[in-house]
Amino acid sequence: MNAARKELKQRYEQRKIVGGVFLIKSTQGGKTLLDATTDIRGSRNRFDFSQKTGSCTYMRLQEDWKKWGADSFVFEVLEEHEKGDAQTMEEFQSDISVLKDLWVEKFSMSGTES
């Protein structure tokens, strides 16, 4: 393996893995989607791509997406969580799931749809 490829592989393995809880909401219709992911950056990129192409990948939002348009939706990170060095991916996924449950509870107490 050449040095450049080795360096790329090493950087990939040492990258920070950041997950979290996010909210996609319509500024027009008020519809919201609360979700969690182990890759917050990837989720943001998918949302941005969906907006650029006008295609909604979230079934729950499709009706409002068609009615109000892609530009009427915003992506908001509610909380981020970085994977610990000693943490397994399963442990990290569990942490993210707990975070989502906490946010679902918080929104249900405030009367916001999730």
PDB file of N, CA and C in Angstrom:
ATOM      1  N   MET A   1       0.857  -1.175   0.000  1.00  0.00           N
ATOM      2  CA  MET A   1       0.000   0.000   0.000  1.00  0.00           C
ATOM      3  C   MET A   1       0.900   1.234   0.000  1.00  0.00           C
ATOM      4  N   ASN A   2       0.598   2.180  -0.881  1.00  0.00           N
ATOM      5  CA  ASN A   2       1.448   3.367  -0.940  1.00  0.00           C
ATOM      6  C   ASN A   2       1.174   4.287   0.253  1.00  0.00           C
ATOM      7  N   ALA A   3       2.078   5.228   0.471  1.00  0.00           N
ATOM      8  CA  ALA A   3       2.017   6.098   1.651  1.00  0.00           C
ATOM      9  C   ALA A   3       0.752   6.963   1.685  1.00  0.00           C
ATOM     10  N   ALA A   4       0.360   7.482   0.543  1.00  0.00           N
ATOM     11  CA  ALA A   4      -0.830   8.350   0.500  1.00  0.00           C
ATOM     12  C   ALA A   4      -2.088   7.555   0.861  1.00  0.00           C
ATOM     13  N   ARG A   5      -2.179   6.360   0.341  1.00  0.00           N
ATOM     14  CA  ARG A   5      -3.342   5.507   0.642  1.00  0.00           C
ATOM     15  C   ARG A   5      -3.355   5.116   2.119  1.00  0.00           C
ATOM     16  N   LYS A   6      -2.176   4.822   2.648  1.00  0.00           N
ATOM     17  CA  LYS A   6      -2.051   4.474   4.066  1.00  0.00           C
ATOM     18  C   LYS A   6      -2.497   5.634   4.955  1.00  0.00           C
ATOM     19  N   GLU A   7      -2.082   6.843   4.567  1.00  0.00           N
ATOM     20  CA  GLU A   7      -2.453   8.033   5.331  1.00  0.00           C
ATOM     21  C   GLU A   7      -3.963   8.271   5.288  1.00  0.00           C
ATOM     22  N   LEU A   8      -4.556   8.098   4.113  1.00  0.00           N
ATOM     23  CA  LEU A   8      -6.009   8.253   3.988  1.00  0.00           C
ATOM     24  C   LEU A   8      -6.754   7.249   4.865  1.00  0.00           C
ATOM     25  N   LYS A   9      -6.279   6.010   4.856  1.00  0.00           N
ATOM     26  CA  LYS A   9      -6.905   4.974   5.664  1.00  0.00           C
ATOM     27  C   LYS A   9      -6.788   5.315   7.149  1.00  0.00           C
ATOM     28  N   GLN A  10      -5.629   5.777   7.550  1.00  0.00           N
ATOM     29  CA  GLN A  10      -5.407   6.135   8.959  1.00  0.00           C
ATOM     30  C   GLN A  10      -6.308   7.305   9.369  1.00  0.00           C
ATOM     31  N   ARG A  11      -6.418   8.315   8.521  1.00  0.00           N
ATOM     32  CA  ARG A  11      -7.285   9.452   8.830  1.00  0.00           C
ATOM     33  C   ARG A  11      -8.741   9.026   8.930  1.00  0.00           C
ATOM     34  N   TYR A  12      -9.160   8.113   8.032  1.00  0.00           N
ATOM     35  CA  TYR A  12     -10.533   7.619   8.071  1.00  0.00           C
ATOM     36  C   TYR A  12     -10.801   6.896   9.387  1.00  0.00           C
ATOM     37  N   GLU A  13      -9.897   6.064   9.804  1.00  0.00           N
ATOM     38  CA  GLU A  13     -10.070   5.292  11.031  1.00  0.00           C
ATOM     39  C   GLU A  13     -10.037   6.178  12.276  1.00  0.00           C
ATOM     40  N   GLN A  14      -9.375   7.331  12.195  1.00  0.00           N
ATOM     41  CA  GLN A  14      -9.255   8.224  13.344  1.00  0.00           C
ATOM     42  C   GLN A  14     -10.293   9.349  13.344  1.00  0.00           C
ATOM     43  N   ARG A  15     -11.164   9.379  12.342  1.00  0.00           N
ATOM     44  CA  ARG A  15     -12.154  10.445  12.260  1.00  0.00           C
ATOM     45  C   ARG A  15     -13.112  10.361  13.441  1.00  0.00           C
ATOM     46  N   LYS A  16     -13.638  11.500  13.791  1.00  0.00           N
ATOM     47  CA  LYS A  16     -14.631  11.549  14.858  1.00  0.00           C
ATOM     48  C   LYS A  16     -15.968  11.101  14.289  1.00  0.00           C
ATOM     49  N   ILE A  17     -16.636  10.238  15.016  1.00  0.00           N
ATOM     50  CA  ILE A  17     -17.970   9.802  14.626  1.00  0.00           C
ATOM     51  C   ILE A  17     -18.955  10.547  15.514  1.00  0.00           C
ATOM     52  N   VAL A  18     -19.813  11.331  14.878  1.00  0.00           N
ATOM     53  CA  VAL A  18     -20.758  12.154  15.620  1.00  0.00           C
ATOM     54  C   VAL A  18     -22.175  11.819  15.168  1.00  0.00           C
ATOM     55  N   GLY A  19     -22.960  11.416  16.119  1.00  0.00           N
ATOM     56  CA  GLY A  19     -24.370  11.146  15.870  1.00  0.00           C
ATOM     57  C   GLY A  19     -25.203  12.182  16.591  1.00  0.00           C
ATOM     58  N   GLY A  20     -26.494  11.957  16.611  1.00  0.00           N
ATOM     59  CA  GLY A  20     -27.324  12.887  17.345  1.00  0.00           C
ATOM     60  C   GLY A  20     -28.788  12.801  16.985  1.00  0.00           C
ATOM     61  N   VAL A  21     -29.509  13.779  17.482  1.00  0.00           N
ATOM     62  CA  VAL A  21     -30.944  13.882  17.271  1.00  0.00           C
ATOM     63  C   VAL A  21     -31.197  15.137  16.445  1.00  0.00           C
ATOM     64  N   PHE A  22     -32.071  14.996  15.444  1.00  0.00           N
ATOM     65  CA  PHE A  22     -32.368  16.138  14.587  1.00  0.00           C
ATOM     66  C   PHE A  22     -33.861  16.251  14.348  1.00  0.00           C
ATOM     67  N   LEU A  23     -34.234  17.422  13.894  1.00  0.00           N
ATOM     68  CA  LEU A  23     -35.633  17.731  13.617  1.00  0.00           C
ATOM     69  C   LEU A  23     -35.720  18.315  12.213  1.00  0.00           C
ATOM     70  N   ILE A  24     -36.640  17.789  11.429  1.00  0.00           N
ATOM     71  CA  ILE A  24     -36.947  18.381  10.135  1.00  0.00           C
ATOM     72  C   ILE A  24     -38.353  18.944  10.275  1.00  0.00           C
ATOM     73  N   LYS A  25     -38.491  20.223   9.966  1.00  0.00           N
ATOM     74  CA  LYS A  25     -39.815  20.813  10.127  1.00  0.00           C
ATOM     75  C   LYS A  25     -40.166  21.717   8.964  1.00  0.00           C
ATOM     76  N   SER A  26     -41.452  21.795   8.738  1.00  0.00           N
ATOM     77  CA  SER A  26     -41.993  22.649   7.699  1.00  0.00           C
ATOM     78  C   SER A  26     -42.258  24.023   8.299  1.00  0.00           C
ATOM     79  N   THR A  27     -41.773  25.039   7.630  1.00  0.00           N
ATOM     80  CA  THR A  27     -42.023  26.402   8.087  1.00  0.00           C
ATOM     81  C   THR A  27     -43.406  26.865   7.654  1.00  0.00           C
ATOM     82  N   GLN A  28     -44.049  26.128   6.768  1.00  0.00           N
ATOM     83  CA  GLN A  28     -45.375  26.488   6.263  1.00  0.00           C
ATOM     84  C   GLN A  28     -46.483  25.671   6.922  1.00  0.00           C
ATOM     85  N   GLY A  29     -46.372  24.368   6.825  1.00  0.00           N
ATOM     86  CA  GLY A  29     -47.445  23.501   7.286  1.00  0.00           C
ATOM     87  C   GLY A  29     -47.334  23.069   8.730  1.00  0.00           C
ATOM     88  N   GLY A  30     -46.170  23.274   9.334  1.00  0.00           N
ATOM     89  CA  GLY A  30     -45.983  22.927  10.730  1.00  0.00           C
ATOM     90  C   GLY A  30     -45.672  21.462  11.003  1.00  0.00           C
ATOM     91  N   LYS A  31     -45.624  20.626   9.983  1.00  0.00           N
ATOM     92  CA  LYS A  31     -45.319  19.206  10.157  1.00  0.00           C
ATOM     93  C   LYS A  31     -43.862  19.061  10.591  1.00  0.00           C
ATOM     94  N   THR A  32     -43.594  18.137  11.543  1.00  0.00           N
ATOM     95  CA  THR A  32     -42.229  17.914  12.028  1.00  0.00           C
ATOM     96  C   THR A  32     -41.893  16.434  11.996  1.00  0.00           C
ATOM     97  N   LEU A  33     -40.602  16.162  11.912  1.00  0.00           N
ATOM     98  CA  LEU A  33     -40.092  14.804  11.991  1.00  0.00           C
ATOM     99  C   LEU A  33     -38.878  14.831  12.905  1.00  0.00           C
ATOM    100  N   LEU A  34     -38.959  14.097  13.998  1.00  0.00           N
ATOM    101  CA  LEU A  34     -37.860  13.974  14.943  1.00  0.00           C
ATOM    102  C   LEU A  34     -37.204  12.629  14.695  1.00  0.00           C
ATOM    103  N   ASP A  35     -35.882  12.615  14.533  1.00  0.00           N
ATOM    104  CA  ASP A  35     -35.183  11.357  14.271  1.00  0.00           C
ATOM    105  C   ASP A  35     -33.792  11.414  14.884  1.00  0.00           C
ATOM    106  N   ALA A  36     -33.140  10.263  14.904  1.00  0.00           N
ATOM    107  CA  ALA A  36     -31.784  10.155  15.449  1.00  0.00           C
ATOM    108  C   ALA A  36     -30.928   9.353  14.482  1.00  0.00           C
ATOM    109  N   THR A  37     -29.632   9.593  14.537  1.00  0.00           N
ATOM    110  CA  THR A  37     -28.708   8.936  13.630  1.00  0.00           C
ATOM    111  C   THR A  37     -27.330   8.808  14.270  1.00  0.00           C
ATOM    112  N   THR A  38     -26.565   7.837  13.813  1.00  0.00           N
ATOM    113  CA  THR A  38     -25.177   7.717  14.266  1.00  0.00           C
ATOM    114  C   THR A  38     -24.249   8.519  13.357  1.00  0.00           C
ATOM    115  N   ASP A  39     -24.808   9.183  12.362  1.00  0.00           N
ATOM    116  CA  ASP A  39     -24.021  10.004  11.434  1.00  0.00           C
ATOM    117  C   ASP A  39     -24.796  11.280  11.107  1.00  0.00           C
ATOM    118  N   ILE A  40     -24.679  12.256  11.981  1.00  0.00           N
ATOM    119  CA  ILE A  40     -25.447  13.493  11.829  1.00  0.00           C
ATOM    120  C   ILE A  40     -25.066  14.232  10.543  1.00  0.00           C
ATOM    121  N   ARG A  41     -23.810  14.188  10.188  1.00  0.00           N
ATOM    122  CA  ARG A  41     -23.354  14.850   8.963  1.00  0.00           C
ATOM    123  C   ARG A  41     -23.990  14.201   7.728  1.00  0.00           C
ATOM    124  N   GLY A  42     -24.059  12.874   7.711  1.00  0.00           N
ATOM    125  CA  GLY A  42     -24.678  12.162   6.597  1.00  0.00           C
ATOM    126  C   GLY A  42     -26.158  12.483   6.470  1.00  0.00           C
ATOM    127  N   SER A  43     -26.843  12.572   7.608  1.00  0.00           N
ATOM    128  CA  SER A  43     -28.267  12.915   7.584  1.00  0.00           C
ATOM    129  C   SER A  43     -28.479  14.322   7.052  1.00  0.00           C
ATOM    130  N   ARG A  44     -27.623  15.223   7.454  1.00  0.00           N
ATOM    131  CA  ARG A  44     -27.697  16.607   6.956  1.00  0.00           C
ATOM    132  C   ARG A  44     -27.459  16.639   5.443  1.00  0.00           C
ATOM    133  N   ASN A  45     -26.468  15.874   4.977  1.00  0.00           N
ATOM    134  CA  ASN A  45     -26.170  15.823   3.543  1.00  0.00           C
ATOM    135  C   ASN A  45     -27.343  15.244   2.751  1.00  0.00           C
ATOM    136  N   ARG A  46     -27.986  14.197   3.283  1.00  0.00           N
ATOM    137  CA  ARG A  46     -29.150  13.616   2.612  1.00  0.00           C
ATOM    138  C   ARG A  46     -30.295  14.630   2.517  1.00  0.00           C
ATOM    139  N   PHE A  47     -30.495  15.366   3.606  1.00  0.00           N
ATOM    140  CA  PHE A  47     -31.536  16.396   3.604  1.00  0.00           C
ATOM    141  C   PHE A  47     -31.219  17.472   2.563  1.00  0.00           C
ATOM    142  N   ASP A  48     -29.978  17.945   2.556  1.00  0.00           N
ATOM    143  CA  ASP A  48     -29.573  18.974   1.585  1.00  0.00           C
ATOM    144  C   ASP A  48     -29.761  18.479   0.149  1.00  0.00           C
ATOM    145  N   PHE A  49     -29.398  17.216  -0.097  1.00  0.00           N
ATOM    146  CA  PHE A  49     -29.564  16.630  -1.428  1.00  0.00           C
ATOM    147  C   PHE A  49     -31.049  16.566  -1.790  1.00  0.00           C
ATOM    148  N   SER A  50     -31.868  16.163  -0.833  1.00  0.00           N
ATOM    149  CA  SER A  50     -33.314  16.092  -1.067  1.00  0.00           C
ATOM    150  C   SER A  50     -33.876  17.462  -1.424  1.00  0.00           C
ATOM    151  N   GLN A  51     -33.418  18.479  -0.739  1.00  0.00           N
ATOM    152  CA  GLN A  51     -33.877  19.836  -1.040  1.00  0.00           C
ATOM    153  C   GLN A  51     -33.453  20.262  -2.443  1.00  0.00           C
ATOM    154  N   LYS A  52     -32.208  19.971  -2.802  1.00  0.00           N
ATOM    155  CA  LYS A  52     -31.702  20.384  -4.114  1.00  0.00           C
ATOM    156  C   LYS A  52     -32.421  19.682  -5.252  1.00  0.00           C
ATOM    157  N   THR A  53     -32.772  18.417  -5.035  1.00  0.00           N
ATOM    158  CA  THR A  53     -33.420  17.638  -6.092  1.00  0.00           C
ATOM    159  C   THR A  53     -34.940  17.706  -6.016  1.00  0.00           C
ATOM    160  N   GLY A  54     -35.467  18.254  -4.919  1.00  0.00           N
ATOM    161  CA  GLY A  54     -36.905  18.356  -4.755  1.00  0.00           C
ATOM    162  C   GLY A  54     -37.581  17.045  -4.400  1.00  0.00           C
ATOM    163  N   SER A  55     -36.782  16.053  -4.025  1.00  0.00           N
ATOM    164  CA  SER A  55     -37.343  14.736  -3.701  1.00  0.00           C
ATOM    165  C   SER A  55     -37.304  14.508  -2.198  1.00  0.00           C
ATOM    166  N   CYS A  56     -38.426  14.138  -1.655  1.00  0.00           N
ATOM    167  CA  CYS A  56     -38.522  13.906  -0.215  1.00  0.00           C
ATOM    168  C   CYS A  56     -38.313  12.419   0.079  1.00  0.00           C
ATOM    169  N   THR A  57     -37.361  12.113   0.939  1.00  0.00           N
ATOM    170  CA  THR A  57     -37.097  10.717   1.288  1.00  0.00           C
ATOM    171  C   THR A  57     -37.796  10.313   2.578  1.00  0.00           C
ATOM    172  N   TYR A  58     -38.516  11.228   3.175  1.00  0.00           N
ATOM    173  CA  TYR A  58     -39.222  10.952   4.429  1.00  0.00           C
ATOM    174  C   TYR A  58     -40.717  10.822   4.133  1.00  0.00           C
ATOM    175  N   MET A  59     -41.214   9.604   4.156  1.00  0.00           N
ATOM    176  CA  MET A  59     -42.615   9.326   3.806  1.00  0.00           C
ATOM    177  C   MET A  59     -43.581  10.225   4.573  1.00  0.00           C
ATOM    178  N   ARG A  60     -43.306  10.432   5.829  1.00  0.00           N
ATOM    179  CA  ARG A  60     -44.195  11.200   6.687  1.00  0.00           C
ATOM    180  C   ARG A  60     -44.334  12.666   6.275  1.00  0.00           C
ATOM    181  N   LEU A  61     -43.340  13.162   5.566  1.00  0.00           N
ATOM    182  CA  LEU A  61     -43.339  14.569   5.170  1.00  0.00           C
ATOM    183  C   LEU A  61     -43.716  14.794   3.715  1.00  0.00           C
ATOM    184  N   GLN A  62     -43.897  13.719   2.950  1.00  0.00           N
ATOM    185  CA  GLN A  62     -44.076  13.855   1.504  1.00  0.00           C
ATOM    186  C   GLN A  62     -45.260  14.730   1.096  1.00  0.00           C
ATOM    187  N   GLU A  63     -46.368  14.594   1.777  1.00  0.00           N
ATOM    188  CA  GLU A  63     -47.547  15.386   1.406  1.00  0.00           C
ATOM    189  C   GLU A  63     -47.269  16.891   1.534  1.00  0.00           C
ATOM    190  N   ASP A  64     -46.714  17.289   2.681  1.00  0.00           N
ATOM    191  CA  ASP A  64     -46.378  18.706   2.877  1.00  0.00           C
ATOM    192  C   ASP A  64     -45.241  19.141   1.969  1.00  0.00           C
ATOM    193  N   TRP A  65     -44.310  18.234   1.693  1.00  0.00           N
ATOM    194  CA  TRP A  65     -43.177  18.519   0.810  1.00  0.00           C
ATOM    195  C   TRP A  65     -43.706  18.890  -0.577  1.00  0.00           C
ATOM    196  N   LYS A  66     -44.682  18.116  -1.057  1.00  0.00           N
ATOM    197  CA  LYS A  66     -45.283  18.403  -2.370  1.00  0.00           C
ATOM    198  C   LYS A  66     -46.089  19.698  -2.333  1.00  0.00           C
ATOM    199  N   LYS A  67     -46.833  19.879  -1.265  1.00  0.00           N
ATOM    200  CA  LYS A  67     -47.712  21.043  -1.151  1.00  0.00           C
ATOM    201  C   LYS A  67     -46.936  22.347  -1.005  1.00  0.00           C
ATOM    202  N   TRP A  68     -45.949  22.376  -0.120  1.00  0.00           N
ATOM    203  CA  TRP A  68     -45.249  23.614   0.216  1.00  0.00           C
ATOM    204  C   TRP A  68     -43.891  23.763  -0.468  1.00  0.00           C
ATOM    205  N   GLY A  69     -43.344  22.661  -0.963  1.00  0.00           N
ATOM    206  CA  GLY A  69     -42.041  22.708  -1.623  1.00  0.00           C
ATOM    207  C   GLY A  69     -40.886  22.431  -0.673  1.00  0.00           C
ATOM    208  N   ALA A  70     -39.790  21.980  -1.229  1.00  0.00           N
ATOM    209  CA  ALA A  70     -38.613  21.585  -0.459  1.00  0.00           C
ATOM    210  C   ALA A  70     -38.028  22.730   0.361  1.00  0.00           C
ATOM    211  N   ASP A  71     -38.114  23.930  -0.169  1.00  0.00           N
ATOM    212  CA  ASP A  71     -37.517  25.083   0.516  1.00  0.00           C
ATOM    213  C   ASP A  71     -38.264  25.490   1.784  1.00  0.00           C
ATOM    214  N   SER A  72     -39.432  24.920   1.987  1.00  0.00           N
ATOM    215  CA  SER A  72     -40.182  25.264   3.197  1.00  0.00           C
ATOM    216  C   SER A  72     -39.796  24.374   4.384  1.00  0.00           C
ATOM    217  N   PHE A  73     -38.806  23.512   4.198  1.00  0.00           N
ATOM    218  CA  PHE A  73     -38.353  22.626   5.268  1.00  0.00           C
ATOM    219  C   PHE A  73     -36.965  23.015   5.749  1.00  0.00           C
ATOM    220  N   VAL A  74     -36.759  22.861   7.038  1.00  0.00           N
ATOM    221  CA  VAL A  74     -35.449  23.142   7.637  1.00  0.00           C
ATOM    222  C   VAL A  74     -34.987  21.932   8.427  1.00  0.00           C
ATOM    223  N   PHE A  75     -33.681  21.791   8.505  1.00  0.00           N
ATOM    224  CA  PHE A  75     -33.024  20.710   9.238  1.00  0.00           C
ATOM    225  C   PHE A  75     -32.364  21.334  10.452  1.00  0.00           C
ATOM    226  N   GLU A  76     -32.715  20.867  11.619  1.00  0.00           N
ATOM    227  CA  GLU A  76     -32.183  21.438  12.855  1.00  0.00           C
ATOM    228  C   GLU A  76     -31.585  20.333  13.725  1.00  0.00           C
ATOM    229  N   VAL A  77     -30.317  20.472  14.073  1.00  0.00           N
ATOM    230  CA  VAL A  77     -29.676  19.519  14.981  1.00  0.00           C
ATOM    231  C   VAL A  77     -30.064  19.912  16.405  1.00  0.00           C
ATOM    232  N   LEU A  78     -30.689  18.986  17.111  1.00  0.00           N
ATOM    233  CA  LEU A  78     -31.120  19.252  18.482  1.00  0.00           C
ATOM    234  C   LEU A  78     -30.027  18.921  19.489  1.00  0.00           C
ATOM    235  N   GLU A  79     -29.308  17.831  19.219  1.00  0.00           N
ATOM    236  CA  GLU A  79     -28.230  17.440  20.128  1.00  0.00           C
ATOM    237  C   GLU A  79     -27.261  16.523  19.396  1.00  0.00           C
ATOM    238  N   GLU A  80     -25.981  16.745  19.618  1.00  0.00           N
ATOM    239  CA  GLU A  80     -24.941  15.898  19.035  1.00  0.00           C
ATOM    240  C   GLU A  80     -24.290  15.074  20.130  1.00  0.00           C
ATOM    241  N   HIS A  81     -23.788  13.904  19.729  1.00  0.00           N
ATOM    242  CA  HIS A  81     -23.087  13.030  20.668  1.00  0.00           C
ATOM    243  C   HIS A  81     -21.941  12.360  19.914  1.00  0.00           C
ATOM    244  N   GLU A  82     -20.738  12.522  20.429  1.00  0.00           N
ATOM    245  CA  GLU A  82     -19.562  11.946  19.795  1.00  0.00           C
ATOM    246  C   GLU A  82     -19.291  10.549  20.341  1.00  0.00           C
ATOM    247  N   LYS A  83     -18.968   9.627  19.451  1.00  0.00           N
ATOM    248  CA  LYS A  83     -18.649   8.256  19.840  1.00  0.00           C
ATOM    249  C   LYS A  83     -17.335   8.249  20.603  1.00  0.00           C
ATOM    250  N   GLY A  84     -17.336   7.591  21.747  1.00  0.00           N
ATOM    251  CA  GLY A  84     -16.126   7.467  22.544  1.00  0.00           C
ATOM    252  C   GLY A  84     -15.139   6.488  21.933  1.00  0.00           C
ATOM    253  N   ASP A  85     -13.866   6.689  22.198  1.00  0.00           N
ATOM    254  CA  ASP A  85     -12.821   5.823  21.638  1.00  0.00           C
ATOM    255  C   ASP A  85     -13.000   4.362  22.045  1.00  0.00           C
ATOM    256  N   ALA A  86     -13.392   4.121  23.274  1.00  0.00           N
ATOM    257  CA  ALA A  86     -13.534   2.756  23.776  1.00  0.00           C
ATOM    258  C   ALA A  86     -14.929   2.191  23.544  1.00  0.00           C
ATOM    259  N   GLN A  87     -15.794   2.985  22.985  1.00  0.00           N
ATOM    260  CA  GLN A  87     -17.191   2.599  22.805  1.00  0.00           C
ATOM    261  C   GLN A  87     -17.366   1.766  21.531  1.00  0.00           C
ATOM    262  N   THR A  88     -18.131   0.681  21.630  1.00  0.00           N
ATOM    263  CA  THR A  88     -18.454  -0.095  20.439  1.00  0.00           C
ATOM    264  C   THR A  88     -19.555   0.634  19.668  1.00  0.00           C
ATOM    265  N   MET A  89     -19.745   0.257  18.426  1.00  0.00           N
ATOM    266  CA  MET A  89     -20.793   0.877  17.618  1.00  0.00           C
ATOM    267  C   MET A  89     -22.165   0.565  18.209  1.00  0.00           C
ATOM    268  N   GLU A  90     -22.345  -0.624  18.753  1.00  0.00           N
ATOM    269  CA  GLU A  90     -23.620  -0.991  19.374  1.00  0.00           C
ATOM    270  C   GLU A  90     -23.909  -0.110  20.596  1.00  0.00           C
ATOM    271  N   GLU A  91     -22.887   0.157  21.396  1.00  0.00           N
ATOM    272  CA  GLU A  91     -23.054   1.032  22.561  1.00  0.00           C
ATOM    273  C   GLU A  91     -23.386   2.456  22.118  1.00  0.00           C
ATOM    274  N   PHE A  92     -22.714   2.886  21.065  1.00  0.00           N
ATOM    275  CA  PHE A  92     -22.971   4.222  20.527  1.00  0.00           C
ATOM    276  C   PHE A  92     -24.404   4.325  20.010  1.00  0.00           C
ATOM    277  N   GLN A  93     -24.858   3.318  19.272  1.00  0.00           N
ATOM    278  CA  GLN A  93     -26.227   3.302  18.762  1.00  0.00           C
ATOM    279  C   GLN A  93     -27.229   3.329  19.910  1.00  0.00           C
ATOM    280  N   SER A  94     -26.915   2.625  20.973  1.00  0.00           N
ATOM    281  CA  SER A  94     -27.792   2.606  22.140  1.00  0.00           C
ATOM    282  C   SER A  94     -27.870   3.999  22.772  1.00  0.00           C
ATOM    283  N   ASP A  95     -26.737   4.669  22.892  1.00  0.00           N
ATOM    284  CA  ASP A  95     -26.719   6.034  23.431  1.00  0.00           C
ATOM    285  C   ASP A  95     -27.574   6.979  22.587  1.00  0.00           C
ATOM    286  N   ILE A  96     -27.455   6.851  21.271  1.00  0.00           N
ATOM    287  CA  ILE A  96     -28.221   7.703  20.359  1.00  0.00           C
ATOM    288  C   ILE A  96     -29.716   7.413  20.504  1.00  0.00           C
ATOM    289  N   SER A  97     -30.057   6.148  20.664  1.00  0.00           N
ATOM    290  CA  SER A  97     -31.457   5.765  20.844  1.00  0.00           C
ATOM    291  C   SER A  97     -32.037   6.364  22.131  1.00  0.00           C
ATOM    292  N   VAL A  98     -31.247   6.360  23.197  1.00  0.00           N
ATOM    293  CA  VAL A  98     -31.679   6.943  24.466  1.00  0.00           C
ATOM    294  C   VAL A  98     -31.876   8.453  24.297  1.00  0.00           C
ATOM    295  N   LEU A  99     -30.936   9.104  23.597  1.00  0.00           N
ATOM    296  CA  LEU A  99     -31.078  10.544  23.337  1.00  0.00           C
ATOM    297  C   LEU A  99     -32.377  10.842  22.602  1.00  0.00           C
ATOM    298  N   LYS A 100     -32.675  10.028  21.598  1.00  0.00           N
ATOM    299  CA  LYS A 100     -33.911  10.239  20.837  1.00  0.00           C
ATOM    300  C   LYS A 100     -35.126  10.091  21.753  1.00  0.00           C
ATOM    301  N   ASP A 101     -35.127   9.050  22.588  1.00  0.00           N
ATOM    302  CA  ASP A 101     -36.243   8.844  23.510  1.00  0.00           C
ATOM    303  C   ASP A 101     -36.442  10.050  24.422  1.00  0.00           C
ATOM    304  N   LEU A 102     -35.335  10.634  24.897  1.00  0.00           N
ATOM    305  CA  LEU A 102     -35.423  11.813  25.756  1.00  0.00           C
ATOM    306  C   LEU A 102     -36.040  12.993  25.016  1.00  0.00           C
ATOM    307  N   TRP A 103     -35.649  13.178  23.746  1.00  0.00           N
ATOM    308  CA  TRP A 103     -36.198  14.278  22.953  1.00  0.00           C
ATOM    309  C   TRP A 103     -37.656  14.031  22.598  1.00  0.00           C
ATOM    310  N   VAL A 104     -38.023  12.783  22.327  1.00  0.00           N
ATOM    311  CA  VAL A 104     -39.431  12.466  22.048  1.00  0.00           C
ATOM    312  C   VAL A 104     -40.268  12.811  23.268  1.00  0.00           C
ATOM    313  N   GLU A 105     -39.762  12.432  24.441  1.00  0.00           N
ATOM    314  CA  GLU A 105     -40.476  12.744  25.680  1.00  0.00           C
ATOM    315  C   GLU A 105     -40.596  14.252  25.885  1.00  0.00           C
ATOM    316  N   LYS A 106     -39.509  14.955  25.630  1.00  0.00           N
ATOM    317  CA  LYS A 106     -39.507  16.415  25.790  1.00  0.00           C
ATOM    318  C   LYS A 106     -40.542  17.070  24.868  1.00  0.00           C
ATOM    319  N   PHE A 107     -40.588  16.627  23.602  1.00  0.00           N
ATOM    320  CA  PHE A 107     -41.539  17.198  22.653  1.00  0.00           C
ATOM    321  C   PHE A 107     -42.973  16.791  22.966  1.00  0.00           C
ATOM    322  N   SER A 108     -43.171  15.581  23.447  1.00  0.00           N
ATOM    323  CA  SER A 108     -44.546  15.158  23.763  1.00  0.00           C
ATOM    324  C   SER A 108     -45.078  15.930  24.981  1.00  0.00           C
ATOM    325  N   MET A 109     -44.173  16.297  25.882  1.00  0.00           N
ATOM    326  CA  MET A 109     -44.584  17.081  27.041  1.00  0.00           C
ATOM    327  C   MET A 109     -44.919  18.515  26.650  1.00  0.00           C
ATOM    328  N   SER A 110     -44.272  19.006  25.586  1.00  0.00           N
ATOM    329  CA  SER A 110     -44.538  20.381  25.156  1.00  0.00           C
ATOM    330  C   SER A 110     -45.690  20.456  24.149  1.00  0.00           C
ATOM    331  N   GLY A 111     -46.212  19.274  23.756  1.00  0.00           N
ATOM    332  CA  GLY A 111     -47.327  19.258  22.823  1.00  0.00           C
ATOM    333  C   GLY A 111     -46.908  19.358  21.371  1.00  0.00           C
ATOM    334  N   THR A 112     -45.604  19.271  21.078  1.00  0.00           N
ATOM    335  CA  THR A 112     -45.114  19.340  19.700  1.00  0.00           C
ATOM    336  C   THR A 112     -45.182  17.958  19.085  1.00  0.00           C
ATOM    337  N   GLU A 113     -45.609  17.905  17.849  1.00  0.00           N
ATOM    338  CA  GLU A 113     -45.689  16.642  17.113  1.00  0.00           C
ATOM    339  C   GLU A 113     -44.297  16.126  16.828  1.00  0.00           C
ATOM    340  N   SER A 114     -44.085  14.810  16.925  1.00  0.00           N
ATOM    341  CA  SER A 114     -42.773  14.243  16.592  1.00  0.00           C
ATOM    342  C   SER A 114     -42.894  13.099  15.641  1.00  0.00           C
TER     343      SER A 114
END
